[in-house]
PDB file of all heavy atoms in Angstrom:
ATOM      1  N   TYR A   1      -3.374  -3.900  -2.831  1.00  0.00           N
ATOM      2  CA  TYR A   1      -3.167  -2.882  -3.867  1.00  0.00           C
ATOM      3  C   TYR A   1      -3.932  -3.212  -5.151  1.00  0.00           C
ATOM      4  O   TYR A   1      -4.492  -2.319  -5.788  1.00  0.00           O
ATOM      5  CB  TYR A   1      -1.670  -2.741  -4.185  1.00  0.00           C
ATOM      6  CG  TYR A   1      -1.353  -1.489  -4.979  1.00  0.00           C
ATOM      7  CD1 TYR A   1      -0.934  -0.326  -4.340  1.00  0.00           C
ATOM      8  CD2 TYR A   1      -1.500  -1.460  -6.368  1.00  0.00           C
ATOM      9  CE1 TYR A   1      -0.675   0.832  -5.063  1.00  0.00           C
ATOM     10  CE2 TYR A   1      -1.250  -0.313  -7.097  1.00  0.00           C
ATOM     11  CZ  TYR A   1      -0.841   0.835  -6.443  1.00  0.00           C
ATOM     12  OH  TYR A   1      -0.603   1.975  -7.159  1.00  0.00           O
ATOM     13  N   SER A   2      -3.989  -4.489  -5.492  1.00  0.00           N
ATOM     14  CA  SER A   2      -4.626  -4.888  -6.754  1.00  0.00           C
ATOM     15  C   SER A   2      -6.092  -4.489  -6.824  1.00  0.00           C
ATOM     16  O   SER A   2      -6.618  -4.171  -7.893  1.00  0.00           O
ATOM     17  CB  SER A   2      -4.497  -6.395  -6.947  1.00  0.00           C
ATOM     18  OG  SER A   2      -5.143  -7.099  -5.904  1.00  0.00           O
ATOM     19  N   GLU A   3      -6.778  -4.499  -5.668  1.00  0.00           N
ATOM     20  CA  GLU A   3      -8.199  -4.181  -5.653  1.00  0.00           C
ATOM     21  C   GLU A   3      -8.465  -2.701  -5.948  1.00  0.00           C
ATOM     22  O   GLU A   3      -9.542  -2.343  -6.419  1.00  0.00           O
ATOM     23  CB  GLU A   3      -8.806  -4.577  -4.308  1.00  0.00           C
ATOM     24  CG  GLU A   3      -8.842  -6.086  -4.107  1.00  0.00           C
ATOM     25  CD  GLU A   3      -9.558  -6.490  -2.835  1.00  0.00           C
ATOM     26  OE1 GLU A   3     -10.581  -5.868  -2.488  1.00  0.00           O
ATOM     27  OE2 GLU A   3      -9.081  -7.430  -2.177  1.00  0.00           O
ATOM     28  N   PHE A   4      -7.493  -1.847  -5.649  1.00  0.00           N
ATOM     29  CA  PHE A   4      -7.675  -0.408  -5.857  1.00  0.00           C
ATOM     30  C   PHE A   4      -6.877   0.135  -7.040  1.00  0.00           C
ATOM     31  O   PHE A   4      -6.994   1.308  -7.385  1.00  0.00           O
ATOM     32  CB  PHE A   4      -7.245   0.360  -4.593  1.00  0.00           C
ATOM     33  CG  PHE A   4      -8.101   0.103  -3.379  1.00  0.00           C
ATOM     34  CD1 PHE A   4      -7.592   0.311  -2.096  1.00  0.00           C
ATOM     35  CD2 PHE A   4      -9.407  -0.335  -3.492  1.00  0.00           C
ATOM     36  CE1 PHE A   4      -8.375   0.100  -0.972  1.00  0.00           C
ATOM     37  CE2 PHE A   4     -10.196  -0.564  -2.372  1.00  0.00           C
ATOM     38  CZ  PHE A   4      -9.676  -0.348  -1.109  1.00  0.00           C
ATOM     39  N   ALA A   5      -6.058  -0.709  -7.664  1.00  0.00           N
ATOM     40  CA  ALA A   5      -5.103  -0.249  -8.675  1.00  0.00           C
ATOM     41  C   ALA A   5      -5.746   0.587  -9.786  1.00  0.00           C
ATOM     42  O   ALA A   5      -5.237   1.657 -10.147  1.00  0.00           O
ATOM     43  CB  ALA A   5      -4.362  -1.441  -9.274  1.00  0.00           C
ATOM     44  N   GLU A   6      -6.859   0.103 -10.347  1.00  0.00           N
ATOM     45  CA  GLU A   6      -7.457   0.827 -11.474  1.00  0.00           C
ATOM     46  C   GLU A   6      -8.005   2.183 -11.043  1.00  0.00           C
ATOM     47  O   GLU A   6      -7.962   3.152 -11.816  1.00  0.00           O
ATOM     48  CB  GLU A   6      -8.557  -0.009 -12.124  1.00  0.00           C
ATOM     49  CG  GLU A   6      -9.757  -0.302 -11.235  1.00  0.00           C
ATOM     50  CD  GLU A   6     -10.830  -1.097 -11.977  1.00  0.00           C
ATOM     51  OE1 GLU A   6     -11.482  -0.522 -12.873  1.00  0.00           O
ATOM     52  OE2 GLU A   6     -10.999  -2.286 -11.660  1.00  0.00           O
ATOM     53  N   TYR A   7      -8.470   2.285  -9.806  1.00  0.00           N
ATOM     54  CA  TYR A   7      -9.027   3.549  -9.318  1.00  0.00           C
ATOM     55  C   TYR A   7      -7.914   4.532  -8.958  1.00  0.00           C
ATOM     56  O   TYR A   7      -8.066   5.749  -9.118  1.00  0.00           O
ATOM     57  CB  TYR A   7      -9.935   3.297  -8.110  1.00  0.00           C
ATOM     58  CG  TYR A   7     -11.033   2.312  -8.434  1.00  0.00           C
ATOM     59  CD1 TYR A   7     -10.949   0.979  -8.017  1.00  0.00           C
ATOM     60  CD2 TYR A   7     -12.141   2.693  -9.186  1.00  0.00           C
ATOM     61  CE1 TYR A   7     -11.945   0.060  -8.333  1.00  0.00           C
ATOM     62  CE2 TYR A   7     -13.148   1.790  -9.506  1.00  0.00           C
ATOM     63  CZ  TYR A   7     -13.040   0.478  -9.080  1.00  0.00           C
ATOM     64  OH  TYR A   7     -14.019  -0.422  -9.398  1.00  0.00           O
ATOM     65  N   ILE A   8      -6.814   3.991  -8.466  1.00  0.00           N
ATOM     66  CA  ILE A   8      -5.645   4.830  -8.187  1.00  0.00           C
ATOM     67  C   ILE A   8      -5.105   5.398  -9.496  1.00  0.00           C
ATOM     68  O   ILE A   8      -4.823   6.591  -9.611  1.00  0.00           O
ATOM     69  CB  ILE A   8      -4.559   4.012  -7.455  1.00  0.00           C
ATOM     70  CG1 ILE A   8      -5.032   3.653  -6.040  1.00  0.00           C
ATOM     71  CG2 ILE A   8      -3.245   4.790  -7.389  1.00  0.00           C
ATOM     72  CD1 ILE A   8      -4.116   2.681  -5.301  1.00  0.00           C
ATOM     73  N   LYS A   9      -5.005   4.524 -10.495  1.00  0.00           N
ATOM     74  CA  LYS A   9      -4.489   4.942 -11.797  1.00  0.00           C
ATOM     75  C   LYS A   9      -5.382   5.991 -12.436  1.00  0.00           C
ATOM     76  O   LYS A   9      -4.907   6.932 -13.096  1.00  0.00           O
ATOM     77  CB  LYS A   9      -4.377   3.721 -12.722  1.00  0.00           C
ATOM     78  CG  LYS A   9      -3.714   4.014 -14.047  1.00  0.00           C
ATOM     79  CD  LYS A   9      -3.553   2.737 -14.864  1.00  0.00           C
ATOM     80  CE  LYS A   9      -2.864   3.029 -16.195  1.00  0.00           C
ATOM     81  NZ  LYS A   9      -2.700   1.778 -17.001  1.00  0.00           N
ATOM     82  N   ALA A  10      -6.687   5.873 -12.224  1.00  0.00           N
ATOM     83  CA  ALA A  10      -7.655   6.814 -12.805  1.00  0.00           C
ATOM     84  C   ALA A  10      -7.795   8.102 -11.995  1.00  0.00           C
ATOM     85  O   ALA A  10      -8.526   9.009 -12.391  1.00  0.00           O
ATOM     86  CB  ALA A  10      -9.018   6.132 -12.935  1.00  0.00           C
ATOM     87  N   GLY A  11      -7.095   8.159 -10.856  1.00  0.00           N
ATOM     88  CA  GLY A  11      -7.159   9.358 -10.029  1.00  0.00           C
ATOM     89  C   GLY A  11      -8.395   9.445  -9.149  1.00  0.00           C
ATOM     90  O   GLY A  11      -8.689  10.500  -8.574  1.00  0.00           O
ATOM     91  N   LYS A  12      -9.119   8.335  -9.016  1.00  0.00           N
ATOM     92  CA  LYS A  12     -10.338   8.342  -8.193  1.00  0.00           C
ATOM     93  C   LYS A  12     -10.048   8.029  -6.725  1.00  0.00           C
ATOM     94  O   LYS A  12     -10.889   8.227  -5.862  1.00  0.00           O
ATOM     95  CB  LYS A  12     -11.340   7.328  -8.750  1.00  0.00           C
ATOM     96  CG  LYS A  12     -11.844   7.701 -10.137  1.00  0.00           C
ATOM     97  CD  LYS A  12     -12.833   6.673 -10.662  1.00  0.00           C
ATOM     98  CE  LYS A  12     -13.356   7.057 -12.044  1.00  0.00           C
ATOM     99  NZ  LYS A  12     -14.313   6.055 -12.559  1.00  0.00           N
ATOM    100  N   MET A  13      -8.847   7.494  -6.471  1.00  0.00           N
ATOM    101  CA  MET A  13      -8.388   7.237  -5.103  1.00  0.00           C
ATOM    102  C   MET A  13      -6.951   7.720  -4.990  1.00  0.00           C
ATOM    103  O   MET A  13      -6.183   7.620  -5.952  1.00  0.00           O
ATOM    104  CB  MET A  13      -8.425   5.736  -4.767  1.00  0.00           C
ATOM    105  CG  MET A  13      -9.786   5.106  -4.713  1.00  0.00           C
ATOM    106  SD  MET A  13      -9.645   3.328  -4.280  1.00  0.00           S
ATOM    107  CE  MET A  13     -11.372   2.818  -4.377  1.00  0.00           C
ATOM    108  N   LYS A  14      -6.606   8.224  -3.799  1.00  0.00           N
ATOM    109  CA  LYS A  14      -5.234   8.683  -3.563  1.00  0.00           C
ATOM    110  C   LYS A  14      -4.561   7.762  -2.558  1.00  0.00           C
ATOM    111  O   LYS A  14      -4.973   7.707  -1.397  1.00  0.00           O
ATOM    112  CB  LYS A  14      -5.229  10.119  -3.045  1.00  0.00           C
ATOM    113  CG  LYS A  14      -3.828  10.642  -2.726  1.00  0.00           C
ATOM    114  CD  LYS A  14      -3.852  12.077  -2.258  1.00  0.00           C
ATOM    115  CE  LYS A  14      -2.474  12.535  -1.800  1.00  0.00           C
ATOM    116  NZ  LYS A  14      -1.445  12.401  -2.830  1.00  0.00           N
ATOM    117  N   PRO A  15      -3.518   7.023  -2.981  1.00  0.00           N
ATOM    118  CA  PRO A  15      -2.826   6.138  -2.035  1.00  0.00           C
ATOM    119  C   PRO A  15      -1.941   6.941  -1.090  1.00  0.00           C
ATOM    120  O   PRO A  15      -1.221   7.842  -1.522  1.00  0.00           O
ATOM    121  CB  PRO A  15      -1.979   5.253  -2.952  1.00  0.00           C
ATOM    122  CG  PRO A  15      -1.692   6.115  -4.138  1.00  0.00           C
ATOM    123  CD  PRO A  15      -2.919   6.974  -4.327  1.00  0.00           C
ATOM    124  N   ILE A  16      -2.013   6.634   0.204  1.00  0.00           N
ATOM    125  CA  ILE A  16      -1.230   7.418   1.170  1.00  0.00           C
ATOM    126  C   ILE A  16      -0.242   6.574   1.978  1.00  0.00           C
ATOM    127  O   ILE A  16       0.657   7.128   2.612  1.00  0.00           O
ATOM    128  CB  ILE A  16      -2.148   8.193   2.141  1.00  0.00           C
ATOM    129  CG1 ILE A  16      -3.130   7.245   2.852  1.00  0.00           C
ATOM    130  CG2 ILE A  16      -2.911   9.283   1.391  1.00  0.00           C
ATOM    131  CD1 ILE A  16      -3.964   7.909   3.930  1.00  0.00           C
ATOM    132  N   ALA A  17      -0.383   5.253   1.955  1.00  0.00           N
ATOM    133  CA  ALA A  17       0.565   4.412   2.706  1.00  0.00           C
ATOM    134  C   ALA A  17       0.364   2.946   2.369  1.00  0.00           C
ATOM    135  O   ALA A  17      -0.743   2.522   2.038  1.00  0.00           O
ATOM    136  CB  ALA A  17       0.391   4.619   4.213  1.00  0.00           C
ATOM    137  N   VAL A  18       1.448   2.170   2.459  1.00  0.00           N
ATOM    138  CA  VAL A  18       1.356   0.718   2.324  1.00  0.00           C
ATOM    139  C   VAL A  18       1.894   0.070   3.599  1.00  0.00           C
ATOM    140  O   VAL A  18       2.728   0.653   4.298  1.00  0.00           O
ATOM    141  CB  VAL A  18       2.145   0.185   1.103  1.00  0.00           C
ATOM    142  CG1 VAL A  18       1.468   0.615  -0.190  1.00  0.00           C
ATOM    143  CG2 VAL A  18       3.597   0.641   1.129  1.00  0.00           C
ATOM    144  N   THR A  19       1.399  -1.133   3.878  1.00  0.00           N
ATOM    145  CA  THR A  19       1.804  -1.842   5.102  1.00  0.00           C
ATOM    146  C   THR A  19       3.024  -2.728   4.860  1.00  0.00           C
ATOM    147  O   THR A  19       3.338  -3.586   5.673  1.00  0.00           O
ATOM    148  CB  THR A  19       0.653  -2.721   5.620  1.00  0.00           C
ATOM    149  OG1 THR A  19       0.339  -3.720   4.626  1.00  0.00           O
ATOM    150  CG2 THR A  19      -0.593  -1.886   5.908  1.00  0.00           C
ATOM    151  N   ALA A  20       3.699  -2.519   3.739  1.00  0.00           N
ATOM    152  CA  ALA A  20       4.841  -3.334   3.341  1.00  0.00           C
ATOM    153  C   ALA A  20       6.148  -2.833   3.951  1.00  0.00           C
ATOM    154  O   ALA A  20       6.219  -1.711   4.457  1.00  0.00           O
ATOM    155  CB  ALA A  20       4.957  -3.326   1.814  1.00  0.00           C
ATOM    156  N   PRO A  21       7.207  -3.667   3.875  1.00  0.00           N
ATOM    157  CA  PRO A  21       8.511  -3.239   4.373  1.00  0.00           C
ATOM    158  C   PRO A  21       9.205  -2.256   3.435  1.00  0.00           C
ATOM    159  O   PRO A  21      10.138  -1.558   3.825  1.00  0.00           O
ATOM    160  CB  PRO A  21       9.301  -4.542   4.486  1.00  0.00           C
ATOM    161  CG  PRO A  21       8.657  -5.462   3.506  1.00  0.00           C
ATOM    162  CD  PRO A  21       7.204  -5.093   3.506  1.00  0.00           C
ATOM    163  N   LYS A  22       8.752  -2.204   2.183  1.00  0.00           N
ATOM    164  CA  LYS A  22       9.315  -1.239   1.228  1.00  0.00           C
ATOM    165  C   LYS A  22       8.193  -0.719   0.337  1.00  0.00           C
ATOM    166  O   LYS A  22       7.101  -1.305   0.280  1.00  0.00           O
ATOM    167  CB  LYS A  22      10.421  -1.881   0.383  1.00  0.00           C
ATOM    168  CG  LYS A  22       9.976  -3.063  -0.448  1.00  0.00           C
ATOM    169  CD  LYS A  22      11.159  -3.651  -1.213  1.00  0.00           C
ATOM    170  CE  LYS A  22      10.711  -4.853  -2.060  1.00  0.00           C
ATOM    171  NZ  LYS A  22      11.852  -5.427  -2.816  1.00  0.00           N
ATOM    172  N   ARG A  23       8.444   0.368  -0.362  1.00  0.00           N
ATOM    173  CA  ARG A  23       7.421   0.996  -1.188  1.00  0.00           C
ATOM    174  C   ARG A  23       6.864   0.039  -2.249  1.00  0.00           C
ATOM    175  O   ARG A  23       7.587  -0.765  -2.807  1.00  0.00           O
ATOM    176  CB  ARG A  23       7.981   2.238  -1.883  1.00  0.00           C
ATOM    177  CG  ARG A  23       8.226   3.408  -0.945  1.00  0.00           C
ATOM    178  CD  ARG A  23       8.528   4.676  -1.724  1.00  0.00           C
ATOM    179  NE  ARG A  23       8.625   5.839  -0.833  1.00  0.00           N
ATOM    180  CZ  ARG A  23       8.387   7.093  -1.216  1.00  0.00           C
ATOM    181  NH1 ARG A  23       8.071   7.344  -2.483  1.00  0.00           N
ATOM    182  NH2 ARG A  23       8.480   8.089  -0.355  1.00  0.00           N
ATOM    183  N   LEU A  24       5.556   0.178  -2.503  1.00  0.00           N
ATOM    184  CA  LEU A  24       4.910  -0.529  -3.589  1.00  0.00           C
ATOM    185  C   LEU A  24       4.375   0.510  -4.559  1.00  0.00           C
ATOM    186  O   LEU A  24       3.626   1.410  -4.150  1.00  0.00           O
ATOM    187  CB  LEU A  24       3.753  -1.394  -3.075  1.00  0.00           C
ATOM    188  CG  LEU A  24       4.097  -2.584  -2.174  1.00  0.00           C
ATOM    189  CD1 LEU A  24       2.831  -3.274  -1.714  1.00  0.00           C
ATOM    190  CD2 LEU A  24       5.004  -3.565  -2.909  1.00  0.00           C
ATOM    191  N   ASN A  25       4.751   0.398  -5.822  1.00  0.00           N
ATOM    192  CA  ASN A  25       4.326   1.373  -6.831  1.00  0.00           C
ATOM    193  C   ASN A  25       4.579   2.802  -6.357  1.00  0.00           C
ATOM    194  O   ASN A  25       3.772   3.710  -6.587  1.00  0.00           O
ATOM    195  CB  ASN A  25       2.853   1.168  -7.168  1.00  0.00           C
ATOM    196  CG  ASN A  25       2.600  -0.197  -7.795  1.00  0.00           C
ATOM    197  OD1 ASN A  25       3.033  -0.484  -8.892  1.00  0.00           O
ATOM    198  ND2 ASN A  25       1.925  -1.062  -7.045  1.00  0.00           N
ATOM    199  N   ASN A  26       5.697   2.960  -5.651  1.00  0.00           N
ATOM    200  CA  ASN A  26       6.165   4.242  -5.125  1.00  0.00           C
ATOM    201  C   ASN A  26       5.252   4.862  -4.068  1.00  0.00           C
ATOM    202  O   ASN A  26       5.336   6.059  -3.778  1.00  0.00           O
ATOM    203  CB  ASN A  26       6.399   5.260  -6.257  1.00  0.00           C
ATOM    204  CG  ASN A  26       7.446   6.299  -5.866  1.00  0.00           C
ATOM    205  OD1 ASN A  26       8.398   6.005  -5.134  1.00  0.00           O
ATOM    206  ND2 ASN A  26       7.264   7.527  -6.310  1.00  0.00           N
ATOM    207  N   VAL A  27       4.376   4.058  -3.482  1.00  0.00           N
ATOM    208  CA  VAL A  27       3.558   4.551  -2.365  1.00  0.00           C
ATOM    209  C   VAL A  27       4.380   4.392  -1.086  1.00  0.00           C
ATOM    210  O   VAL A  27       4.915   3.315  -0.824  1.00  0.00           O
ATOM    211  CB  VAL A  27       2.241   3.749  -2.242  1.00  0.00           C
ATOM    212  CG1 VAL A  27       1.411   4.279  -1.067  1.00  0.00           C
ATOM    213  CG2 VAL A  27       1.449   3.835  -3.538  1.00  0.00           C
ATOM    214  N   PRO A  28       4.503   5.453  -0.283  1.00  0.00           N
ATOM    215  CA  PRO A  28       5.343   5.379   0.911  1.00  0.00           C
ATOM    216  C   PRO A  28       4.840   4.372   1.945  1.00  0.00           C
ATOM    217  O   PRO A  28       3.642   4.168   2.086  1.00  0.00           O
ATOM    218  CB  PRO A  28       5.301   6.809   1.463  1.00  0.00           C
ATOM    219  CG  PRO A  28       4.062   7.408   0.898  1.00  0.00           C
ATOM    220  CD  PRO A  28       3.885   6.780  -0.452  1.00  0.00           C
ATOM    221  N   THR A  29       5.779   3.757   2.646  1.00  0.00           N
ATOM    222  CA  THR A  29       5.413   2.814   3.703  1.00  0.00           C
ATOM    223  C   THR A  29       4.978   3.578   4.952  1.00  0.00           C
ATOM    224  O   THR A  29       5.266   4.761   5.110  1.00  0.00           O
ATOM    225  CB  THR A  29       6.600   1.912   4.063  1.00  0.00           C
ATOM    226  OG1 THR A  29       7.621   2.715   4.683  1.00  0.00           O
ATOM    227  CG2 THR A  29       7.177   1.232   2.836  1.00  0.00           C
ATOM    228  N   LEU A  30       4.288   2.869   5.822  1.00  0.00           N
ATOM    229  CA  LEU A  30       3.920   3.462   7.113  1.00  0.00           C
ATOM    230  C   LEU A  30       5.181   3.758   7.919  1.00  0.00           C
ATOM    231  O   LEU A  30       5.284   4.805   8.570  1.00  0.00           O
ATOM    232  CB  LEU A  30       3.010   2.511   7.888  1.00  0.00           C
ATOM    233  CG  LEU A  30       1.560   2.414   7.393  1.00  0.00           C
ATOM    234  CD1 LEU A  30       0.871   1.205   7.989  1.00  0.00           C
ATOM    235  CD2 LEU A  30       0.789   3.697   7.717  1.00  0.00           C
ATOM    236  N   LYS A  31       6.133   2.838   7.843  1.00  0.00           N
ATOM    237  CA  LYS A  31       7.360   3.001   8.629  1.00  0.00           C
ATOM    238  C   LYS A  31       8.122   4.264   8.247  1.00  0.00           C
ATOM    239  O   LYS A  31       8.639   4.973   9.115  1.00  0.00           O
ATOM    240  CB  LYS A  31       8.251   1.769   8.478  1.00  0.00           C
ATOM    241  CG  LYS A  31       7.756   0.565   9.280  1.00  0.00           C
ATOM    242  CD  LYS A  31       8.794  -0.546   9.290  1.00  0.00           C
ATOM    243  CE  LYS A  31       8.383  -1.655  10.256  1.00  0.00           C
ATOM    244  NZ  LYS A  31       9.398  -2.724  10.359  1.00  0.00           N
ATOM    245  N   GLU A  32       8.216   4.548   6.953  1.00  0.00           N
ATOM    246  CA  GLU A  32       8.967   5.740   6.554  1.00  0.00           C
ATOM    247  C   GLU A  32       8.225   7.023   6.915  1.00  0.00           C
ATOM    248  O   GLU A  32       8.800   8.110   6.882  1.00  0.00           O
ATOM    249  CB  GLU A  32       9.292   5.714   5.060  1.00  0.00           C
ATOM    250  CG  GLU A  32       8.138   5.940   4.122  1.00  0.00           C
ATOM    251  CD  GLU A  32       8.577   5.909   2.662  1.00  0.00           C
ATOM    252  OE1 GLU A  32       8.644   4.814   2.064  1.00  0.00           O
ATOM    253  OE2 GLU A  32       8.842   6.985   2.112  1.00  0.00           O
ATOM    254  N   GLN A  33       6.943   6.875   7.290  1.00  0.00           N
ATOM    255  CA  GLN A  33       6.165   8.027   7.742  1.00  0.00           C
ATOM    256  C   GLN A  33       6.109   8.102   9.268  1.00  0.00           C
ATOM    257  O   GLN A  33       5.302   8.833   9.838  1.00  0.00           O
ATOM    258  CB  GLN A  33       4.749   7.976   7.149  1.00  0.00           C
ATOM    259  CG  GLN A  33       4.745   8.030   5.625  1.00  0.00           C
ATOM    260  CD  GLN A  33       3.346   8.013   5.053  1.00  0.00           C
ATOM    261  OE1 GLN A  33       2.592   8.986   5.160  1.00  0.00           O
ATOM    262  NE2 GLN A  33       2.962   6.906   4.429  1.00  0.00           N
ATOM    263  N   GLY A  34       6.975   7.310   9.903  1.00  0.00           N
ATOM    264  CA  GLY A  34       7.096   7.379  11.347  1.00  0.00           C
ATOM    265  C   GLY A  34       6.118   6.521  12.124  1.00  0.00           C
ATOM    266  O   GLY A  34       5.989   6.657  13.342  1.00  0.00           O
ATOM    267  N   ILE A  35       5.404   5.615  11.429  1.00  0.00           N
ATOM    268  CA  ILE A  35       4.441   4.729  12.084  1.00  0.00           C
ATOM    269  C   ILE A  35       4.954   3.300  11.955  1.00  0.00           C
ATOM    270  O   ILE A  35       4.950   2.721  10.864  1.00  0.00           O
ATOM    271  CB  ILE A  35       3.040   4.858  11.444  1.00  0.00           C
ATOM    272  CG1 ILE A  35       2.584   6.324  11.451  1.00  0.00           C
ATOM    273  CG2 ILE A  35       2.029   3.991  12.184  1.00  0.00           C
ATOM    274  CD1 ILE A  35       1.346   6.587  10.623  1.00  0.00           C
ATOM    275  N   ASP A  36       5.392   2.721  13.036  1.00  0.00           N
ATOM    276  CA  ASP A  36       6.072   1.424  13.010  1.00  0.00           C
ATOM    277  C   ASP A  36       5.082   0.263  12.884  1.00  0.00           C
ATOM    278  O   ASP A  36       4.856  -0.513  13.824  1.00  0.00           O
ATOM    279  CB  ASP A  36       6.921   1.266  14.277  1.00  0.00           C
ATOM    280  CG  ASP A  36       7.827   0.027  14.211  1.00  0.00           C
ATOM    281  OD1 ASP A  36       8.037  -0.470  13.097  1.00  0.00           O
ATOM    282  OD2 ASP A  36       8.300  -0.407  15.271  1.00  0.00           O
ATOM    283  N   VAL A  37       4.479   0.148  11.696  1.00  0.00           N
ATOM    284  CA  VAL A  37       3.510  -0.905  11.430  1.00  0.00           C
ATOM    285  C   VAL A  37       3.841  -1.574  10.099  1.00  0.00           C
ATOM    286  O   VAL A  37       4.050  -0.905   9.091  1.00  0.00           O
ATOM    287  CB  VAL A  37       2.065  -0.345  11.371  1.00  0.00           C
ATOM    288  CG1 VAL A  37       1.098  -1.418  10.873  1.00  0.00           C
ATOM    289  CG2 VAL A  37       1.635   0.164  12.741  1.00  0.00           C
ATOM    290  N   GLU A  38       3.879  -2.908  10.126  1.00  0.00           N
ATOM    291  CA  GLU A  38       4.086  -3.711   8.917  1.00  0.00           C
ATOM    292  C   GLU A  38       3.257  -4.977   9.068  1.00  0.00           C
ATOM    293  O   GLU A  38       3.376  -5.694  10.063  1.00  0.00           O
ATOM    294  CB  GLU A  38       5.564  -4.061   8.749  1.00  0.00           C
ATOM    295  CG  GLU A  38       5.871  -4.924   7.532  1.00  0.00           C
ATOM    296  CD  GLU A  38       7.326  -5.367   7.491  1.00  0.00           C
ATOM    297  OE1 GLU A  38       8.216  -4.539   7.789  1.00  0.00           O
ATOM    298  OE2 GLU A  38       7.572  -6.544   7.161  1.00  0.00           O
ATOM    299  N   ILE A  39       2.379  -5.234   8.107  1.00  0.00           N
ATOM    300  CA  ILE A  39       1.534  -6.427   8.195  1.00  0.00           C
ATOM    301  C   ILE A  39       1.156  -6.885   6.784  1.00  0.00           C
ATOM    302  O   ILE A  39       0.830  -6.072   5.922  1.00  0.00           O
ATOM    303  CB  ILE A  39       0.264  -6.160   9.049  1.00  0.00           C
ATOM    304  CG1 ILE A  39      -0.581  -7.437   9.172  1.00  0.00           C
ATOM    305  CG2 ILE A  39      -0.546  -4.994   8.504  1.00  0.00           C
ATOM    306  CD1 ILE A  39      -1.739  -7.310  10.156  1.00  0.00           C
ATOM    307  N   GLY A  40       1.249  -8.193   6.547  1.00  0.00           N
ATOM    308  CA  GLY A  40       0.940  -8.754   5.237  1.00  0.00           C
ATOM    309  C   GLY A  40      -0.341  -9.565   5.253  1.00  0.00           C
ATOM    310  O   GLY A  40      -0.782 -10.049   6.293  1.00  0.00           O
ATOM    311  N   ASN A  41      -0.920  -9.714   4.075  1.00  0.00           N
ATOM    312  CA  ASN A  41      -2.140 -10.495   3.904  1.00  0.00           C
ATOM    313  C   ASN A  41      -1.819 -11.678   2.985  1.00  0.00           C
ATOM    314  O   ASN A  41      -1.354 -11.484   1.869  1.00  0.00           O
ATOM    315  CB  ASN A  41      -3.227  -9.614   3.281  1.00  0.00           C
ATOM    316  CG  ASN A  41      -4.564 -10.333   3.160  1.00  0.00           C
ATOM    317  OD1 ASN A  41      -4.775 -11.375   3.779  1.00  0.00           O
ATOM    318  ND2 ASN A  41      -5.458  -9.781   2.366  1.00  0.00           N
ATOM    319  N   TRP A  42      -2.033 -12.897   3.469  1.00  0.00           N
ATOM    320  CA  TRP A  42      -1.760 -14.072   2.648  1.00  0.00           C
ATOM    321  C   TRP A  42      -3.061 -14.784   2.306  1.00  0.00           C
ATOM    322  O   TRP A  42      -4.069 -14.632   3.014  1.00  0.00           O
ATOM    323  CB  TRP A  42      -0.801 -15.030   3.358  1.00  0.00           C
ATOM    324  CG  TRP A  42      -1.304 -15.522   4.686  1.00  0.00           C
ATOM    325  CD1 TRP A  42      -1.103 -14.949   5.914  1.00  0.00           C
ATOM    326  CD2 TRP A  42      -2.125 -16.678   4.924  1.00  0.00           C
ATOM    327  NE1 TRP A  42      -1.741 -15.670   6.890  1.00  0.00           N
ATOM    328  CE2 TRP A  42      -2.370 -16.732   6.319  1.00  0.00           C
ATOM    329  CE3 TRP A  42      -2.666 -17.665   4.108  1.00  0.00           C
ATOM    330  CZ2 TRP A  42      -3.155 -17.744   6.900  1.00  0.00           C
ATOM    331  CZ3 TRP A  42      -3.437 -18.672   4.678  1.00  0.00           C
ATOM    332  CH2 TRP A  42      -3.660 -18.700   6.060  1.00  0.00           C
ATOM    333  N   ARG A  43      -3.029 -15.542   1.217  1.00  0.00           N
ATOM    334  CA  ARG A  43      -4.211 -16.289   0.792  1.00  0.00           C
ATOM    335  C   ARG A  43      -3.817 -17.708   0.409  1.00  0.00           C
ATOM    336  O   ARG A  43      -2.712 -17.943  -0.073  1.00  0.00           O
ATOM    337  CB  ARG A  43      -4.881 -15.595  -0.400  1.00  0.00           C
ATOM    338  CG  ARG A  43      -5.353 -14.179  -0.073  1.00  0.00           C
ATOM    339  CD  ARG A  43      -6.156 -13.562  -1.206  1.00  0.00           C
ATOM    340  NE  ARG A  43      -6.559 -12.210  -0.830  1.00  0.00           N
ATOM    341  CZ  ARG A  43      -6.049 -11.100  -1.363  1.00  0.00           C
ATOM    342  NH1 ARG A  43      -5.114 -11.185  -2.287  1.00  0.00           N
ATOM    343  NH2 ARG A  43      -6.467  -9.911  -0.962  1.00  0.00           N
ATOM    344  N   GLY A  44      -4.742 -18.626   0.639  1.00  0.00           N
ATOM    345  CA  GLY A  44      -4.474 -20.017   0.318  1.00  0.00           C
ATOM    346  C   GLY A  44      -5.749 -20.759  -0.012  1.00  0.00           C
ATOM    347  O   GLY A  44      -6.806 -20.153  -0.214  1.00  0.00           O
ATOM    348  N   VAL A  45      -5.650 -22.087  -0.073  1.00  0.00           N
ATOM    349  CA  VAL A  45      -6.813 -22.926  -0.367  1.00  0.00           C
ATOM    350  C   VAL A  45      -6.846 -24.133   0.561  1.00  0.00           C
ATOM    351  O   VAL A  45      -5.811 -24.652   0.963  1.00  0.00           O
ATOM    352  CB  VAL A  45      -6.831 -23.411  -1.835  1.00  0.00           C
ATOM    353  CG1 VAL A  45      -7.214 -22.287  -2.772  1.00  0.00           C
ATOM    354  CG2 VAL A  45      -5.499 -24.023  -2.245  1.00  0.00           C
TER     355      VAL A  45
END
């Protein structure tokens, strides 16, 4: 979400779903739209 946040806020991109277990910034999850998918991205060093 962070990579697109400024463009979403500016109206240049329209968010339609998140892969999270619950809404992020009020963007609906895939699951609540009837698509049973949840996947996270982790980063380390």
